[in-house]
Amino acid sequence: MGYAKNITELIGNTPLVQLQQASNESGATVLGKCEFLNPTHSVKDRIGTNMINTALKEGLIN
């Protein structure tokens, strides 16, 4: 089993789960993204990480 070297490695890459009832009713495959599996259980983890990485890259913070 692998492990993360720091918590930021756990942000994103959350799994997709098929929403069976919605898929059956629509005739299409409907998937839900499990963002609650991010470290703070929120889609905002991705946004915050991206904002910080962009600011670092642009030299706005160090």
PDB file of N, CA and C in Angstrom:
ATOM      1  N   MET A   1       0.843  -1.181   0.000  1.00  0.00           N
ATOM      2  CA  MET A   1       0.000   0.000   0.000  1.00  0.00           C
ATOM      3  C   MET A   1       0.884   1.237   0.000  1.00  0.00           C
ATOM      4  N   GLY A   2       0.549   2.204  -0.861  1.00  0.00           N
ATOM      5  CA  GLY A   2       1.323   3.428  -0.935  1.00  0.00           C
ATOM      6  C   GLY A   2       0.931   4.408   0.156  1.00  0.00           C
ATOM      7  N   TYR A   3       1.673   5.482   0.248  1.00  0.00           N
ATOM      8  CA  TYR A   3       1.373   6.512   1.239  1.00  0.00           C
ATOM      9  C   TYR A   3       1.774   7.867   0.682  1.00  0.00           C
ATOM     10  N   ALA A   4       1.194   8.915   1.236  1.00  0.00           N
ATOM     11  CA  ALA A   4       1.504  10.278   0.837  1.00  0.00           C
ATOM     12  C   ALA A   4       2.616  10.814   1.727  1.00  0.00           C
ATOM     13  N   LYS A   5       3.529  11.559   1.127  1.00  0.00           N
ATOM     14  CA  LYS A   5       4.620  12.164   1.896  1.00  0.00           C
ATOM     15  C   LYS A   5       4.159  13.427   2.613  1.00  0.00           C
ATOM     16  N   ASN A   6       3.110  14.076   2.091  1.00  0.00           N
ATOM     17  CA  ASN A   6       2.510  15.214   2.782  1.00  0.00           C
ATOM     18  C   ASN A   6       1.048  15.317   2.371  1.00  0.00           C
ATOM     19  N   ILE A   7       0.294  16.077   3.115  1.00  0.00           N
ATOM     20  CA  ILE A   7      -1.159  16.115   2.921  1.00  0.00           C
ATOM     21  C   ILE A   7      -1.561  16.694   1.570  1.00  0.00           C
ATOM     22  N   THR A   8      -0.729  17.562   0.990  1.00  0.00           N
ATOM     23  CA  THR A   8      -1.100  18.146  -0.299  1.00  0.00           C
ATOM     24  C   THR A   8      -1.134  17.103  -1.413  1.00  0.00           C
ATOM     25  N   GLU A   9      -0.446  15.999  -1.248  1.00  0.00           N
ATOM     26  CA  GLU A   9      -0.490  14.927  -2.244  1.00  0.00           C
ATOM     27  C   GLU A   9      -1.851  14.233  -2.274  1.00  0.00           C
ATOM     28  N   LEU A  10      -2.650  14.446  -1.247  1.00  0.00           N
ATOM     29  CA  LEU A  10      -3.958  13.798  -1.160  1.00  0.00           C
ATOM     30  C   LEU A  10      -5.075  14.625  -1.795  1.00  0.00           C
ATOM     31  N   ILE A  11      -4.752  15.849  -2.214  1.00  0.00           N
ATOM     32  CA  ILE A  11      -5.765  16.731  -2.792  1.00  0.00           C
ATOM     33  C   ILE A  11      -5.973  16.375  -4.256  1.00  0.00           C
ATOM     34  N   GLY A  12      -7.228  16.259  -4.627  1.00  0.00           N
ATOM     35  CA  GLY A  12      -7.566  15.891  -6.001  1.00  0.00           C
ATOM     36  C   GLY A  12      -7.503  14.387  -6.184  1.00  0.00           C
ATOM     37  N   ASN A  13      -7.632  13.947  -7.413  1.00  0.00           N
ATOM     38  CA  ASN A  13      -7.624  12.512  -7.729  1.00  0.00           C
ATOM     39  C   ASN A  13      -8.631  11.743  -6.888  1.00  0.00           C
ATOM     40  N   THR A  14      -9.737  12.394  -6.563  1.00  0.00           N
ATOM     41  CA  THR A  14     -10.784  11.720  -5.805  1.00  0.00           C
ATOM     42  C   THR A  14     -11.548  10.792  -6.743  1.00  0.00           C
ATOM     43  N   PRO A  15     -12.074   9.707  -6.221  1.00  0.00           N
ATOM     44  CA  PRO A  15     -12.721   8.723  -7.090  1.00  0.00           C
ATOM     45  C   PRO A  15     -14.087   9.175  -7.611  1.00  0.00           C
ATOM     46  N   LEU A  16     -14.492   8.535  -8.701  1.00  0.00           N
ATOM     47  CA  LEU A  16     -15.828   8.700  -9.253  1.00  0.00           C
ATOM     48  C   LEU A  16     -16.655   7.490  -8.868  1.00  0.00           C
ATOM     49  N   VAL A  17     -17.922   7.717  -8.561  1.00  0.00           N
ATOM     50  CA  VAL A  17     -18.832   6.632  -8.210  1.00  0.00           C
ATOM     51  C   VAL A  17     -20.073   6.768  -9.090  1.00  0.00           C
ATOM     52  N   GLN A  18     -20.503   5.648  -9.680  1.00  0.00           N
ATOM     53  CA  GLN A  18     -21.712   5.695 -10.496  1.00  0.00           C
ATOM     54  C   GLN A  18     -22.928   5.880  -9.601  1.00  0.00           C
ATOM     55  N   LEU A  19     -23.779   6.828  -9.973  1.00  0.00           N
ATOM     56  CA  LEU A  19     -25.033   7.080  -9.270  1.00  0.00           C
ATOM     57  C   LEU A  19     -26.095   6.226  -9.960  1.00  0.00           C
ATOM     58  N   GLN A  20     -26.311   5.057  -9.403  1.00  0.00           N
ATOM     59  CA  GLN A  20     -27.102   4.017 -10.044  1.00  0.00           C
ATOM     60  C   GLN A  20     -28.519   4.450 -10.390  1.00  0.00           C
ATOM     61  N   GLN A  21     -29.238   5.032  -9.440  1.00  0.00           N
ATOM     62  CA  GLN A  21     -30.630   5.406  -9.704  1.00  0.00           C
ATOM     63  C   GLN A  21     -30.714   6.461 -10.799  1.00  0.00           C
ATOM     64  N   ALA A  22     -29.866   7.474 -10.724  1.00  0.00           N
ATOM     65  CA  ALA A  22     -29.866   8.524 -11.748  1.00  0.00           C
ATOM     66  C   ALA A  22     -29.478   7.946 -13.105  1.00  0.00           C
ATOM     67  N   SER A  23     -28.532   7.012 -13.114  1.00  0.00           N
ATOM     68  CA  SER A  23     -28.126   6.362 -14.357  1.00  0.00           C
ATOM     69  C   SER A  23     -29.282   5.563 -14.948  1.00  0.00           C
ATOM     70  N   ASN A  24     -29.963   4.791 -14.109  1.00  0.00           N
ATOM     71  CA  ASN A  24     -31.083   3.973 -14.582  1.00  0.00           C
ATOM     72  C   ASN A  24     -32.214   4.833 -15.131  1.00  0.00           C
ATOM     73  N   GLU A  25     -32.533   5.911 -14.425  1.00  0.00           N
ATOM     74  CA  GLU A  25     -33.653   6.766 -14.830  1.00  0.00           C
ATOM     75  C   GLU A  25     -33.358   7.559 -16.094  1.00  0.00           C
ATOM     76  N   SER A  26     -32.093   7.930 -16.291  1.00  0.00           N
ATOM     77  CA  SER A  26     -31.742   8.766 -17.441  1.00  0.00           C
ATOM     78  C   SER A  26     -31.303   7.956 -18.654  1.00  0.00           C
ATOM     79  N   GLY A  27     -30.920   6.708 -18.435  1.00  0.00           N
ATOM     80  CA  GLY A  27     -30.398   5.904 -19.536  1.00  0.00           C
ATOM     81  C   GLY A  27     -28.956   6.250 -19.876  1.00  0.00           C
ATOM     82  N   ALA A  28     -28.347   7.090 -19.068  1.00  0.00           N
ATOM     83  CA  ALA A  28     -26.949   7.484 -19.267  1.00  0.00           C
ATOM     84  C   ALA A  28     -26.159   7.104 -18.019  1.00  0.00           C
ATOM     85  N   THR A  29     -24.863   7.027 -18.160  1.00  0.00           N
ATOM     86  CA  THR A  29     -24.017   6.792 -16.998  1.00  0.00           C
ATOM     87  C   THR A  29     -23.833   8.125 -16.276  1.00  0.00           C
ATOM     88  N   VAL A  30     -24.285   8.198 -15.045  1.00  0.00           N
ATOM     89  CA  VAL A  30     -24.164   9.418 -14.237  1.00  0.00           C
ATOM     90  C   VAL A  30     -23.182   9.120 -13.114  1.00  0.00           C
ATOM     91  N   LEU A  31     -22.150   9.957 -13.020  1.00  0.00           N
ATOM     92  CA  LEU A  31     -21.096   9.753 -12.030  1.00  0.00           C
ATOM     93  C   LEU A  31     -21.065  10.906 -11.037  1.00  0.00           C
ATOM     94  N   GLY A  32     -20.696  10.610  -9.812  1.00  0.00           N
ATOM     95  CA  GLY A  32     -20.494  11.624  -8.781  1.00  0.00           C
ATOM     96  C   GLY A  32     -19.034  11.625  -8.361  1.00  0.00           C
ATOM     97  N   LYS A  33     -18.451  12.802  -8.198  1.00  0.00           N
ATOM     98  CA  LYS A  33     -17.055  12.938  -7.785  1.00  0.00           C
ATOM     99  C   LYS A  33     -17.022  13.027  -6.267  1.00  0.00           C
ATOM    100  N   CYS A  34     -16.249  12.197  -5.623  1.00  0.00           N
ATOM    101  CA  CYS A  34     -16.209  12.097  -4.151  1.00  0.00           C
ATOM    102  C   CYS A  34     -15.240  13.113  -3.551  1.00  0.00           C
ATOM    103  N   GLU A  35     -15.559  14.401  -3.696  1.00  0.00           N
ATOM    104  CA  GLU A  35     -14.683  15.458  -3.186  1.00  0.00           C
ATOM    105  C   GLU A  35     -14.576  15.430  -1.666  1.00  0.00           C
ATOM    106  N   PHE A  36     -15.527  14.804  -0.990  1.00  0.00           N
ATOM    107  CA  PHE A  36     -15.464  14.709   0.468  1.00  0.00           C
ATOM    108  C   PHE A  36     -14.282  13.867   0.929  1.00  0.00           C
ATOM    109  N   LEU A  37     -13.598  13.203   0.015  1.00  0.00           N
ATOM    110  CA  LEU A  37     -12.417  12.420   0.384  1.00  0.00           C
ATOM    111  C   LEU A  37     -11.127  13.245   0.339  1.00  0.00           C
ATOM    112  N   ASN A  38     -11.236  14.541   0.011  1.00  0.00           N
ATOM    113  CA  ASN A  38     -10.090  15.438   0.118  1.00  0.00           C
ATOM    114  C   ASN A  38      -9.767  15.650   1.597  1.00  0.00           C
ATOM    115  N   PRO A  39      -8.557  16.142   1.926  1.00  0.00           N
ATOM    116  CA  PRO A  39      -8.158  16.292   3.335  1.00  0.00           C
ATOM    117  C   PRO A  39      -9.125  17.086   4.209  1.00  0.00           C
ATOM    118  N   THR A  40      -9.709  18.171   3.679  1.00  0.00           N
ATOM    119  CA  THR A  40     -10.671  18.926   4.495  1.00  0.00           C
ATOM    120  C   THR A  40     -12.107  18.636   4.075  1.00  0.00           C
ATOM    121  N   HIS A  41     -12.284  17.569   3.317  1.00  0.00           N
ATOM    122  CA  HIS A  41     -13.608  17.083   2.903  1.00  0.00           C
ATOM    123  C   HIS A  41     -14.354  18.076   2.025  1.00  0.00           C
ATOM    124  N   SER A  42     -13.630  18.828   1.197  1.00  0.00           N
ATOM    125  CA  SER A  42     -14.271  19.883   0.419  1.00  0.00           C
ATOM    126  C   SER A  42     -13.626  20.034  -0.950  1.00  0.00           C
ATOM    127  N   VAL A  43     -14.425  20.423  -1.938  1.00  0.00           N
ATOM    128  CA  VAL A  43     -13.909  20.751  -3.261  1.00  0.00           C
ATOM    129  C   VAL A  43     -12.988  21.977  -3.173  1.00  0.00           C
ATOM    130  N   LYS A  44     -13.122  22.759  -2.109  1.00  0.00           N
ATOM    131  CA  LYS A  44     -12.310  23.962  -1.935  1.00  0.00           C
ATOM    132  C   LYS A  44     -10.827  23.636  -1.748  1.00  0.00           C
ATOM    133  N   ASP A  45     -10.505  22.398  -1.403  1.00  0.00           N
ATOM    134  CA  ASP A  45      -9.097  21.994  -1.295  1.00  0.00           C
ATOM    135  C   ASP A  45      -8.380  22.213  -2.625  1.00  0.00           C
ATOM    136  N   ARG A  46      -9.017  21.828  -3.718  1.00  0.00           N
ATOM    137  CA  ARG A  46      -8.427  22.001  -5.051  1.00  0.00           C
ATOM    138  C   ARG A  46      -8.218  23.473  -5.369  1.00  0.00           C
ATOM    139  N   ILE A  47      -9.235  24.284  -5.093  1.00  0.00           N
ATOM    140  CA  ILE A  47      -9.179  25.712  -5.399  1.00  0.00           C
ATOM    141  C   ILE A  47      -8.067  26.385  -4.598  1.00  0.00           C
ATOM    142  N   GLY A  48      -8.019  26.114  -3.302  1.00  0.00           N
ATOM    143  CA  GLY A  48      -6.992  26.712  -2.447  1.00  0.00           C
ATOM    144  C   GLY A  48      -5.589  26.311  -2.857  1.00  0.00           C
ATOM    145  N   THR A  49      -5.408  25.036  -3.160  1.00  0.00           N
ATOM    146  CA  THR A  49      -4.095  24.547  -3.590  1.00  0.00           C
ATOM    147  C   THR A  49      -3.670  25.221  -4.884  1.00  0.00           C
ATOM    148  N   ASN A  50      -4.602  25.355  -5.817  1.00  0.00           N
ATOM    149  CA  ASN A  50      -4.286  25.994  -7.089  1.00  0.00           C
ATOM    150  C   ASN A  50      -3.933  27.462  -6.898  1.00  0.00           C
ATOM    151  N   MET A  51      -4.661  28.160  -6.037  1.00  0.00           N
ATOM    152  CA  MET A  51      -4.371  29.574  -5.777  1.00  0.00           C
ATOM    153  C   MET A  51      -2.979  29.747  -5.178  1.00  0.00           C
ATOM    154  N   ILE A  52      -2.630  28.904  -4.231  1.00  0.00           N
ATOM    155  CA  ILE A  52      -1.314  28.992  -3.591  1.00  0.00           C
ATOM    156  C   ILE A  52      -0.214  28.650  -4.583  1.00  0.00           C
ATOM    157  N   ASN A  53      -0.377  27.575  -5.348  1.00  0.00           N
ATOM    158  CA  ASN A  53       0.646  27.183  -6.322  1.00  0.00           C
ATOM    159  C   ASN A  53       0.842  28.249  -7.390  1.00  0.00           C
ATOM    160  N   THR A  54      -0.232  28.879  -7.838  1.00  0.00           N
ATOM    161  CA  THR A  54      -0.135  29.951  -8.830  1.00  0.00           C
ATOM    162  C   THR A  54       0.606  31.152  -8.248  1.00  0.00           C
ATOM    163  N   ALA A  55       0.269  31.541  -7.029  1.00  0.00           N
ATOM    164  CA  ALA A  55       0.943  32.676  -6.386  1.00  0.00           C
ATOM    165  C   ALA A  55       2.429  32.391  -6.182  1.00  0.00           C
ATOM    166  N   LEU A  56       2.771  31.167  -5.814  1.00  0.00           N
ATOM    167  CA  LEU A  56       4.184  30.789  -5.666  1.00  0.00           C
ATOM    168  C   LEU A  56       4.900  30.876  -7.008  1.00  0.00           C
ATOM    169  N   LYS A  57       4.281  30.338  -8.042  1.00  0.00           N
ATOM    170  CA  LYS A  57       4.872  30.314  -9.382  1.00  0.00           C
ATOM    171  C   LYS A  57       5.089  31.727  -9.918  1.00  0.00           C
ATOM    172  N   GLU A  58       4.150  32.625  -9.620  1.00  0.00           N
ATOM    173  CA  GLU A  58       4.240  34.004 -10.103  1.00  0.00           C
ATOM    174  C   GLU A  58       5.054  34.904  -9.183  1.00  0.00           C
ATOM    175  N   GLY A  59       5.608  34.355  -8.112  1.00  0.00           N
ATOM    176  CA  GLY A  59       6.441  35.123  -7.200  1.00  0.00           C
ATOM    177  C   GLY A  59       5.668  36.080  -6.307  1.00  0.00           C
ATOM    178  N   LEU A  60       4.364  35.892  -6.206  1.00  0.00           N
ATOM    179  CA  LEU A  60       3.560  36.775  -5.367  1.00  0.00           C
ATOM    180  C   LEU A  60       3.711  36.445  -3.890  1.00  0.00           C
ATOM    181  N   ILE A  61       4.048  35.203  -3.594  1.00  0.00           N
ATOM    182  CA  ILE A  61       4.347  34.759  -2.230  1.00  0.00           C
ATOM    183  C   ILE A  61       5.570  33.860  -2.299  1.00  0.00           C
ATOM    184  N   ASN A  62       6.191  33.649  -1.160  1.00  0.00           N
ATOM    185  CA  ASN A  62       7.334  32.724  -1.140  1.00  0.00           C
ATOM    186  C   ASN A  62       7.330  31.924   0.134  1.00  0.00           C
TER     187      ASN A  62
END
